[in-house]
Amino acid sequence: MRYKDKKVAVLGAGLSGTAAALLLKAEGADVTVLDSAEESTLLKSTVDNLRAQGVRVATGPAADSDKTTFDLIVLSPGIDPVSPLAQNFSKRKIETIGELELGWRSCELPVIAVTGTNGKTTTTEMLAQMLNACGQRTIACGNIGKPLCEVVRRQNDFDVLTIEVSSFQLETIQSFRPSVALWLNFAPDHLDRYRSVWEYREAKLRIFENQTADDVAVINAVETLRNVQARKITFSAYVDRADFRLVEGAIVYENQVVLRLSNTKLRGSHNIENLMATLAAGRARGLSFEQMVPALSSYEPRPHRCEFVRTVAGVDYVNDSKATNLDAVEKALAAQTKPVVLIAGGKDKGFNFEPLRELVQEKVKSVVLIGEMARRIARDWDGAVACQMAGSLADAVERARASARPGDVVLFSPGTSSFDMFKSYADRGDQFRALVHALPK
């Protein structure tokens, strides 16, 4: 057992940290979980379970100042490497890896890894549904669903793992090497964690770092990526210089019509590219188009992704709570054919909304703003569109209802994270949906 009798600290008591701690414990390690939050704010069942498994748990200031000498530190993706908790150990030059790397070291299966600023979850889920339908047992995991460290403990149930990977997870890899790596797209994001867009991009590019010519890189053709050693398969809904292209409403590969978009339940050019990337990964896994197309045609998008909620008094209400950056809002607005009343705003992630000004001026008749970013967005769009402030999501929905007219669409596409007001984008979207369903007819 690789970690038998090793003293290992896991930083973070969330899903990833808990999965890492239990994997290490099963490997015979002496495990401590450290979290800067006070124990009263953590999930009691999680802490109780860790302690029942023989894992030491320390929280609050005691965690930040722990002076124990460890052989290895495992950093959960939600813990910023510059936080006091992480710095306490990095300053002591203790080897540090992430939960993704830890899970990879115990993984004996081929891995498909999906990254990109937007579309990761949809593509990972489509891939998993398609592979399972084609007889290749897999699970969508990693940045969605179960952490890799949890999945590898029952890896005998699968033939391949389909992993969504974030920049936070890729920051701390060493040997992680997917046999198929997908790069969907790139746009500025997470500037509350990274010092620059370049630094964010460099973290994501690490997905290709350990690949060789025996592996496959599925890449958006509009991207210029350096030092990719794997065999490339390209895709694009916008340019013709790609292996998978869009021609007259169909996805084409080597001049062969592969999938007609009218036969799918997905809409928008971003989802066309997600389909292309999924098909490319399937080809890399040896599947035929005849095998893949039926599963992709039946795939239904999950909630919070341009989800139609309801029509009230001739106004359509659309829940796009998953839009946590500018690129996602841009795609949502571009897909609208009706005048838009936009609800946007949330946590301040360090970027401005000026790049959307021209599109907003073209598509949006009025804007209702919420959260930390509200006044900054109003400044960025001053003169382009009428903006009003709302004190809550309920207030925003009511203001949007008052502004909309029959034939309009109220689009909830925040453009940033939810943590200033909500537990998650899903909680935010669920609340929006409930508020819309509560509107009088």
Protein backbone atom coordinates (compact mmCIF):
# COMPACT_ATOMS: atom_id res chain seq x y z
CA MET A 1 0.00 0.00 0.00
CA ARG A 2 1.58 3.21 -1.26
CA TYR A 3 0.73 5.42 1.73
CA LYS A 4 0.98 2.89 4.56
CA ASP A 5 2.14 4.58 7.78
CA LYS A 6 2.67 7.91 5.96
CA LYS A 7 1.51 11.03 7.80
CA VAL A 8 -0.73 12.92 5.36
CA ALA A 9 -2.71 16.13 5.80
CA VAL A 10 -5.73 16.83 3.63
CA LEU A 11 -6.60 20.52 3.38
CA GLY A 12 -10.34 21.07 3.09
CA ALA A 13 -13.23 19.08 4.58
CA GLY A 14 -15.56 19.29 1.59
CA LEU A 15 -16.45 16.52 -0.86
CA SER A 16 -12.99 16.33 -2.43
CA GLY A 17 -11.15 16.51 0.87
CA THR A 18 -13.32 13.84 2.46
CA ALA A 19 -12.87 11.52 -0.54
CA ALA A 20 -9.10 12.03 -0.44
CA ALA A 21 -8.95 11.36 3.31
CA LEU A 22 -10.93 8.13 3.05
CA LEU A 23 -8.85 6.88 0.12
CA LEU A 24 -5.65 7.59 2.07
CA LYS A 25 -7.04 5.88 5.16
CA ALA A 26 -7.90 2.81 3.09
CA GLU A 27 -4.29 2.87 1.86
CA GLY A 28 -3.02 2.70 5.44
CA ALA A 29 -2.05 6.35 5.94
CA ASP A 30 -2.21 8.33 9.18
CA VAL A 31 -4.60 11.07 8.01
CA THR A 32 -5.45 14.52 9.34
CA VAL A 33 -8.07 16.78 7.74
CA LEU A 34 -7.54 20.51 8.27
CA ASP A 35 -10.10 23.20 7.43
CA SER A 36 -9.96 26.94 8.17
CA ALA A 37 -13.70 27.07 8.78
CA GLU A 38 -15.04 26.66 12.28
CA GLU A 39 -16.36 23.17 12.94
CA SER A 40 -19.85 24.52 13.61
CA THR A 41 -20.07 25.64 9.96
CA LEU A 42 -19.05 22.26 8.51
CA LEU A 43 -21.40 19.38 7.76
CA LYS A 44 -21.63 17.50 11.05
CA SER A 45 -22.22 14.12 9.39
CA THR A 46 -19.03 14.55 7.35
CA VAL A 47 -16.88 15.40 10.36
CA ASP A 48 -18.42 12.59 12.43
CA ASN A 49 -17.81 10.08 9.63
CA LEU A 50 -14.17 11.11 9.24
CA ARG A 51 -13.52 10.74 12.95
CA ALA A 52 -15.34 7.39 13.01
CA GLN A 53 -12.92 6.21 10.32
CA GLY A 54 -9.94 7.20 12.47
CA VAL A 55 -9.20 10.50 10.71
CA ARG A 56 -8.12 13.42 12.88
CA VAL A 57 -10.04 16.63 12.11
CA ALA A 58 -8.83 20.13 13.09
CA THR A 59 -10.66 23.33 12.20
CA GLY A 60 -10.48 27.10 12.52
CA PRO A 61 -7.26 28.86 13.66
CA ALA A 62 -5.89 25.56 14.96
CA ALA A 63 -5.91 24.22 11.39
CA ASP A 64 -4.19 27.30 9.94
CA SER A 65 -1.36 27.11 12.48
CA ASP A 66 -0.93 23.31 12.73
CA LYS A 67 2.78 22.58 13.20
CA THR A 68 2.68 18.82 12.66
CA THR A 69 5.33 17.43 10.33
CA PHE A 70 3.61 15.61 7.48
CA ASP A 71 5.03 13.49 4.67
CA LEU A 72 2.50 14.76 2.15
CA ILE A 73 -0.15 17.48 1.80
CA VAL A 74 -3.27 16.94 -0.34
CA LEU A 75 -4.90 20.22 -1.36
CA SER A 76 -8.63 20.30 -2.12
CA PRO A 77 -9.41 22.35 -5.27
CA GLY A 78 -11.49 24.85 -3.32
CA ILE A 79 -8.53 25.83 -1.14
CA ASP A 80 -6.54 28.71 -2.65
CA PRO A 81 -2.79 27.92 -2.63
CA VAL A 82 -2.12 31.41 -1.22
CA SER A 83 -4.51 30.96 1.72
CA PRO A 84 -2.99 30.87 5.24
CA LEU A 85 -3.95 27.19 5.52
CA ALA A 86 -2.02 26.21 2.38
CA GLN A 87 0.86 28.61 3.01
CA ASN A 88 1.46 27.10 6.44
CA PHE A 89 2.73 23.97 4.71
CA SER A 90 4.12 25.28 1.41
CA LYS A 91 6.51 27.51 3.37
CA ARG A 92 7.85 24.37 5.02
CA LYS A 93 8.54 22.80 1.60
CA ILE A 94 6.27 19.79 2.26
CA GLU A 95 5.29 18.00 -0.95
CA THR A 96 1.81 19.10 -2.01
CA ILE A 97 -0.50 17.49 -4.56
CA GLY A 98 -4.20 17.91 -5.31
CA GLU A 99 -7.10 15.51 -4.90
CA LEU A 100 -7.13 14.88 -8.67
CA GLU A 101 -3.47 13.82 -8.66
CA LEU A 102 -4.01 11.61 -5.61
CA GLY A 103 -6.93 9.84 -7.28
CA TRP A 104 -4.96 9.45 -10.51
CA ARG A 105 -2.12 7.69 -8.71
CA SER A 106 -4.56 4.96 -7.63
CA CYS A 107 -6.34 4.80 -11.00
CA GLU A 108 -5.77 1.79 -13.25
CA LEU A 109 -8.26 2.78 -15.96
CA PRO A 110 -7.99 5.01 -19.04
CA VAL A 111 -9.27 8.51 -18.40
CA ILE A 112 -11.12 11.03 -20.56
CA ALA A 113 -10.65 14.53 -19.11
CA VAL A 114 -12.79 17.51 -20.10
CA THR A 115 -11.87 21.15 -19.50
CA GLY A 116 -12.91 24.54 -20.84
CA THR A 117 -14.36 27.72 -19.43
CA ASN A 118 -17.90 26.71 -20.41
CA GLY A 119 -19.65 23.49 -21.42
CA LYS A 120 -17.58 21.12 -19.26
CA THR A 121 -20.50 19.65 -17.36
CA THR A 122 -22.78 19.22 -20.38
CA THR A 123 -20.00 17.57 -22.39
CA THR A 124 -18.90 15.31 -19.54
CA GLU A 125 -22.47 14.16 -18.96
CA MET A 126 -23.09 13.59 -22.68
CA LEU A 127 -19.89 11.59 -22.94
CA ALA A 128 -20.84 9.40 -20.00
CA GLN A 129 -24.35 8.78 -21.34
CA MET A 130 -23.01 7.98 -24.80
CA LEU A 131 -20.21 5.69 -23.63
CA ASN A 132 -22.52 3.72 -21.35
CA ALA A 133 -25.06 3.35 -24.15
CA CYS A 134 -22.27 2.04 -26.39
CA GLY A 135 -21.18 -0.59 -23.86
CA GLN A 136 -18.19 1.25 -22.38
CA ARG A 137 -18.96 1.45 -18.66
CA THR A 138 -18.13 4.86 -17.23
CA ILE A 139 -19.20 7.53 -14.75
CA ALA A 140 -19.20 11.32 -14.97
CA CYS A 141 -17.04 12.43 -12.04
CA GLY A 142 -14.33 14.83 -10.89
CA ASN A 143 -15.49 18.44 -10.79
CA ILE A 144 -19.09 17.15 -10.98
CA GLY A 145 -20.66 14.27 -9.13
CA LYS A 146 -18.25 12.12 -7.15
CA PRO A 147 -14.60 13.16 -6.69
CA LEU A 148 -12.03 10.97 -8.44
CA CYS A 149 -10.67 9.71 -5.10
CA GLU A 150 -14.09 8.26 -4.31
CA VAL A 151 -14.62 6.70 -7.74
CA VAL A 152 -11.25 4.91 -7.90
CA ARG A 153 -12.16 2.93 -4.80
CA ARG A 154 -14.67 1.03 -6.96
CA GLN A 155 -12.97 1.33 -10.33
CA ASN A 156 -13.59 -2.34 -11.13
CA ASP A 157 -17.16 -1.29 -11.99
CA PHE A 158 -15.93 0.73 -14.99
CA ASP A 159 -13.99 0.45 -18.26
CA VAL A 160 -13.04 4.14 -18.53
CA LEU A 161 -13.50 7.24 -16.35
CA THR A 162 -15.01 10.47 -17.69
CA ILE A 163 -13.68 13.35 -15.60
CA GLU A 164 -14.58 17.02 -15.65
CA VAL A 165 -11.45 18.91 -14.59
CA SER A 166 -11.21 22.56 -13.51
CA SER A 167 -8.23 24.89 -13.50
CA PHE A 168 -8.21 24.62 -9.69
CA GLN A 169 -7.73 20.85 -9.97
CA LEU A 170 -5.09 21.09 -12.69
CA GLU A 171 -2.96 23.54 -10.69
CA THR A 172 -1.58 20.73 -8.53
CA ILE A 173 -1.13 17.79 -10.92
CA GLN A 174 2.22 16.07 -11.40
CA SER A 175 1.65 12.85 -13.36
CA PHE A 176 -2.06 13.10 -14.30
CA ARG A 177 -2.29 11.91 -17.90
CA PRO A 178 -5.64 11.48 -19.67
CA SER A 179 -5.63 9.21 -22.70
CA VAL A 180 -8.17 11.62 -24.22
CA ALA A 181 -8.15 15.31 -23.21
CA LEU A 182 -10.86 17.76 -24.35
CA TRP A 183 -10.28 21.53 -24.55
CA LEU A 184 -13.72 23.01 -25.28
CA ASN A 185 -13.09 26.77 -25.20
CA PHE A 186 -11.43 29.52 -23.22
CA ALA A 187 -12.63 32.86 -21.85
CA PRO A 188 -11.60 35.06 -18.90
CA ASP A 189 -12.81 33.76 -15.54
CA HIS A 190 -11.78 33.25 -11.90
CA LEU A 191 -9.82 36.49 -11.72
CA ASP A 192 -10.65 36.54 -8.02
CA ARG A 193 -8.19 33.63 -7.72
CA TYR A 194 -5.71 34.21 -10.56
CA ARG A 195 -3.54 37.29 -10.97
CA SER A 196 -4.14 37.39 -14.73
CA VAL A 197 -6.03 35.73 -17.58
CA TRP A 198 -2.67 34.27 -18.68
CA GLU A 199 -2.21 32.54 -15.31
CA TYR A 200 -5.73 31.08 -15.52
CA ARG A 201 -5.07 29.80 -19.05
CA GLU A 202 -1.73 28.29 -18.03
CA ALA A 203 -3.44 26.31 -15.28
CA LYS A 204 -5.96 24.88 -17.75
CA LEU A 205 -3.28 24.04 -20.33
CA ARG A 206 -1.76 21.59 -17.86
CA ILE A 207 -4.38 19.07 -19.02
CA PHE A 208 -2.02 18.29 -21.94
CA GLU A 209 1.21 18.41 -19.94
CA ASN A 210 1.83 14.66 -19.60
CA GLN A 211 0.19 13.44 -22.80
CA THR A 212 2.28 11.72 -25.47
CA ALA A 213 1.81 10.85 -29.12
CA ASP A 214 -0.12 7.76 -27.98
CA ASP A 215 -2.87 9.97 -26.55
CA VAL A 216 -5.56 12.15 -28.17
CA ALA A 217 -6.24 15.88 -27.71
CA VAL A 218 -9.69 17.08 -28.79
CA ILE A 219 -9.30 20.82 -29.39
CA ASN A 220 -11.50 23.72 -30.44
CA ALA A 221 -10.10 24.75 -33.82
CA VAL A 222 -10.22 28.48 -33.03
CA GLU A 223 -7.66 27.98 -30.24
CA THR A 224 -3.89 28.13 -30.72
CA LEU A 225 -2.40 25.75 -28.16
CA ARG A 226 1.32 25.20 -27.70
CA ASN A 227 3.26 22.08 -26.76
CA VAL A 228 0.46 19.59 -27.37
CA GLN A 229 2.18 16.26 -28.06
CA ALA A 230 -0.96 14.14 -28.47
CA ARG A 231 -2.71 13.40 -31.76
CA LYS A 232 -5.19 16.23 -32.40
CA ILE A 233 -8.82 16.05 -33.42
CA THR A 234 -10.32 19.50 -33.99
CA PHE A 235 -13.86 20.87 -34.03
CA SER A 236 -15.61 24.19 -34.61
CA ALA A 237 -19.09 25.53 -35.28
CA TYR A 238 -17.56 28.77 -36.59
CA VAL A 239 -14.66 27.94 -38.92
CA ASP A 240 -14.17 25.36 -41.68
CA ARG A 241 -10.59 24.36 -40.83
CA ALA A 242 -11.64 21.62 -38.44
CA ASP A 243 -12.18 17.86 -38.49
CA PHE A 244 -15.74 18.31 -37.18
CA ARG A 245 -17.57 21.22 -38.86
CA LEU A 246 -21.05 22.72 -39.08
CA VAL A 247 -22.63 22.59 -42.54
CA GLU A 248 -26.26 23.54 -43.19
CA GLY A 249 -27.60 22.43 -39.81
CA ALA A 250 -25.55 19.27 -39.55
CA ILE A 251 -22.29 18.18 -37.97
CA VAL A 252 -19.94 16.95 -40.69
CA TYR A 253 -16.78 14.84 -40.38
CA GLU A 254 -14.57 14.35 -43.46
CA ASN A 255 -17.46 15.58 -45.66
CA GLN A 256 -19.79 12.97 -44.14
CA VAL A 257 -22.97 14.13 -42.41
CA VAL A 258 -22.74 12.66 -38.93
CA LEU A 259 -25.56 14.24 -36.94
CA ARG A 260 -28.40 16.57 -37.91
CA LEU A 261 -29.01 19.11 -35.15
CA SER A 262 -32.78 18.92 -35.64
CA ASN A 263 -32.54 15.37 -34.28
CA THR A 264 -31.08 16.51 -30.95
CA LYS A 265 -32.57 18.26 -27.92
CA LEU A 266 -29.74 20.80 -27.63
CA ARG A 267 -29.79 24.32 -29.02
CA GLY A 268 -27.17 27.07 -29.50
CA SER A 269 -23.78 27.09 -31.20
CA HIS A 270 -22.01 26.35 -27.90
CA ASN A 271 -23.96 23.09 -27.59
CA ILE A 272 -23.17 22.22 -31.20
CA GLU A 273 -19.50 22.36 -30.25
CA ASN A 274 -20.14 20.27 -27.15
CA LEU A 275 -21.70 17.63 -29.41
CA MET A 276 -18.72 17.79 -31.77
CA ALA A 277 -16.25 17.34 -28.93
CA THR A 278 -18.23 14.38 -27.61
CA LEU A 279 -18.26 12.72 -31.03
CA ALA A 280 -14.52 13.30 -31.35
CA ALA A 281 -13.85 11.68 -27.97
CA GLY A 282 -16.00 8.74 -28.99
CA ARG A 283 -13.96 8.33 -32.17
CA ALA A 284 -10.82 8.34 -30.04
CA ARG A 285 -12.38 5.50 -28.02
CA GLY A 286 -12.99 3.49 -31.20
CA LEU A 287 -16.75 4.05 -31.50
CA SER A 288 -18.60 4.45 -34.80
CA PHE A 289 -20.99 7.30 -35.51
CA GLU A 290 -23.78 4.74 -35.91
CA GLN A 291 -23.19 3.71 -32.29
CA MET A 292 -22.90 7.23 -30.88
CA VAL A 293 -25.68 9.20 -32.57
CA PRO A 294 -28.73 7.54 -30.94
CA ALA A 295 -27.42 8.25 -27.43
CA LEU A 296 -26.59 11.88 -28.28
CA SER A 297 -29.98 12.41 -29.91
CA SER A 298 -31.73 11.39 -26.69
CA TYR A 299 -29.58 13.50 -24.36
CA GLU A 300 -31.54 16.18 -22.49
CA PRO A 301 -29.69 19.17 -20.97
CA ARG A 302 -29.72 19.50 -17.20
CA PRO A 303 -31.47 22.38 -15.44
CA HIS A 304 -30.00 25.89 -15.21
CA ARG A 305 -28.57 25.90 -18.76
CA CYS A 306 -30.89 28.12 -20.82
CA GLU A 307 -33.72 26.12 -19.28
CA PHE A 308 -37.19 27.24 -20.38
CA VAL A 309 -39.24 27.65 -17.20
CA ARG A 310 -42.64 29.05 -18.10
CA THR A 311 -44.58 31.53 -20.24
CA VAL A 312 -46.51 34.10 -18.18
CA ALA A 313 -48.71 36.74 -19.85
CA GLY A 314 -46.93 36.17 -23.16
CA VAL A 315 -43.44 36.47 -21.63
CA ASP A 316 -41.00 33.54 -21.67
CA TYR A 317 -38.84 32.99 -18.57
CA VAL A 318 -35.46 31.27 -19.06
CA ASN A 319 -33.18 30.00 -16.28
CA ASP A 320 -29.49 30.22 -17.22
CA SER A 321 -28.12 30.25 -13.66
CA LYS A 322 -25.16 28.10 -14.79
CA ALA A 323 -23.82 31.20 -16.59
CA THR A 324 -21.02 32.13 -14.17
CA ASN A 325 -18.83 34.13 -16.60
CA LEU A 326 -19.14 36.57 -19.51
CA ASP A 327 -18.70 33.96 -22.24
CA ALA A 328 -21.71 32.02 -20.99
CA VAL A 329 -23.89 35.16 -20.94
CA GLU A 330 -22.73 36.04 -24.44
CA LYS A 331 -23.80 32.63 -25.74
CA ALA A 332 -27.15 32.81 -23.96
CA LEU A 333 -27.89 36.27 -25.37
CA ALA A 334 -26.77 35.29 -28.88
CA ALA A 335 -29.27 32.41 -28.83
CA GLN A 336 -32.26 34.70 -28.09
CA THR A 337 -34.56 35.75 -30.92
CA LYS A 338 -36.94 37.88 -28.80
CA PRO A 339 -36.34 41.17 -26.95
CA VAL A 340 -34.62 40.38 -23.64
CA VAL A 341 -35.14 41.60 -20.10
CA LEU A 342 -31.91 40.43 -18.49
CA ILE A 343 -31.35 39.61 -14.82
CA ALA A 344 -27.61 39.55 -14.08
CA GLY A 345 -25.06 40.01 -11.31
CA GLY A 346 -23.62 38.19 -8.33
CA LYS A 347 -20.21 37.73 -6.71
CA ASP A 348 -17.36 40.04 -7.74
CA LYS A 349 -14.88 37.74 -9.55
CA GLY A 350 -12.52 40.51 -10.60
CA PHE A 351 -13.57 41.13 -14.21
CA ASN A 352 -15.76 43.79 -15.83
CA PHE A 353 -18.80 43.45 -18.09
CA GLU A 354 -17.70 46.03 -20.67
CA PRO A 355 -17.00 43.34 -23.37
CA LEU A 356 -20.74 42.55 -23.50
CA ARG A 357 -21.78 46.16 -23.99
CA GLU A 358 -22.39 45.98 -27.77
CA LEU A 359 -24.30 42.68 -27.61
CA VAL A 360 -26.40 43.92 -24.70
CA GLN A 361 -27.24 47.08 -26.63
CA GLU A 362 -28.38 44.92 -29.55
CA LYS A 363 -30.35 42.25 -27.70
CA VAL A 364 -31.50 43.66 -24.35
CA LYS A 365 -34.28 46.18 -23.70
CA SER A 366 -33.68 46.47 -19.95
CA VAL A 367 -31.51 44.98 -17.20
CA VAL A 368 -32.17 44.13 -13.56
CA LEU A 369 -28.99 43.75 -11.48
CA ILE A 370 -28.34 41.90 -8.21
CA GLY A 371 -25.42 41.11 -5.91
CA GLU A 372 -21.92 42.50 -5.34
CA MET A 373 -21.40 43.21 -9.06
CA ALA A 374 -24.59 45.20 -9.62
CA ARG A 375 -23.17 48.74 -9.55
CA ARG A 376 -20.04 47.80 -11.50
CA ILE A 377 -22.15 46.23 -14.26
CA ALA A 378 -24.38 49.31 -14.34
CA ARG A 379 -21.28 51.49 -14.85
CA ASP A 380 -19.97 49.21 -17.60
CA TRP A 381 -23.29 49.37 -19.48
CA ASP A 382 -24.15 53.00 -18.77
CA GLY A 383 -25.72 54.53 -21.87
CA ALA A 384 -26.14 51.17 -23.61
CA VAL A 385 -29.22 49.92 -21.76
CA ALA A 386 -31.47 50.97 -18.89
CA CYS A 387 -30.36 49.29 -15.64
CA GLN A 388 -32.13 49.03 -12.31
CA MET A 389 -30.95 47.58 -8.99
CA ALA A 390 -32.77 44.86 -7.07
CA GLY A 391 -32.24 44.01 -3.42
CA SER A 392 -32.97 40.31 -3.84
CA LEU A 393 -33.75 37.74 -6.50
CA ALA A 394 -37.44 37.97 -5.67
CA ASP A 395 -37.28 41.73 -6.18
CA ALA A 396 -35.40 41.18 -9.47
CA VAL A 397 -38.04 38.79 -10.82
CA GLU A 398 -40.81 41.23 -9.90
CA ARG A 399 -38.96 44.15 -11.55
CA ALA A 400 -38.32 42.05 -14.67
CA ARG A 401 -41.99 41.05 -14.81
CA ALA A 402 -43.01 44.71 -14.65
CA SER A 403 -40.57 45.64 -17.45
CA ALA A 404 -41.43 42.79 -19.85
CA ARG A 405 -44.15 42.88 -22.48
CA PRO A 406 -45.82 40.05 -24.41
CA GLY A 407 -43.31 38.65 -26.87
CA ASP A 408 -40.31 39.35 -24.61
CA VAL A 409 -38.09 36.89 -22.77
CA VAL A 410 -36.87 37.33 -19.20
CA LEU A 411 -33.40 35.76 -19.17
CA PHE A 412 -31.73 34.98 -15.84
CA SER A 413 -28.08 34.77 -16.87
CA PRO A 414 -25.99 36.16 -13.98
CA GLY A 415 -22.53 36.14 -15.61
CA THR A 416 -20.72 35.47 -12.35
CA SER A 417 -20.71 33.22 -9.29
CA SER A 418 -23.53 32.93 -6.79
CA PHE A 419 -21.75 32.67 -3.47
CA ASP A 420 -22.48 36.22 -2.32
CA MET A 421 -26.20 35.39 -2.11
CA PHE A 422 -26.74 31.65 -2.68
CA LYS A 423 -25.24 28.25 -1.83
CA SER A 424 -24.50 27.48 -5.50
CA TYR A 425 -25.61 28.22 -9.06
CA ALA A 426 -28.11 25.34 -8.67
CA ASP A 427 -29.62 26.87 -5.53
CA ARG A 428 -29.78 30.22 -7.35
CA GLY A 429 -31.50 28.65 -10.36
CA ASP A 430 -33.92 26.65 -8.21
CA GLN A 431 -34.96 29.83 -6.42
CA PHE A 432 -35.46 31.65 -9.73
CA ARG A 433 -37.60 28.79 -11.07
CA ALA A 434 -39.73 28.75 -7.91
CA LEU A 435 -40.25 32.52 -8.08
CA VAL A 436 -41.32 32.28 -11.74
CA HIS A 437 -43.78 29.47 -11.00
CA ALA A 438 -45.24 31.62 -8.23
CA LEU A 439 -46.04 34.50 -10.62
CA PRO A 440 -49.75 35.03 -11.24
CA LYS A 441 -50.99 34.11 -14.70
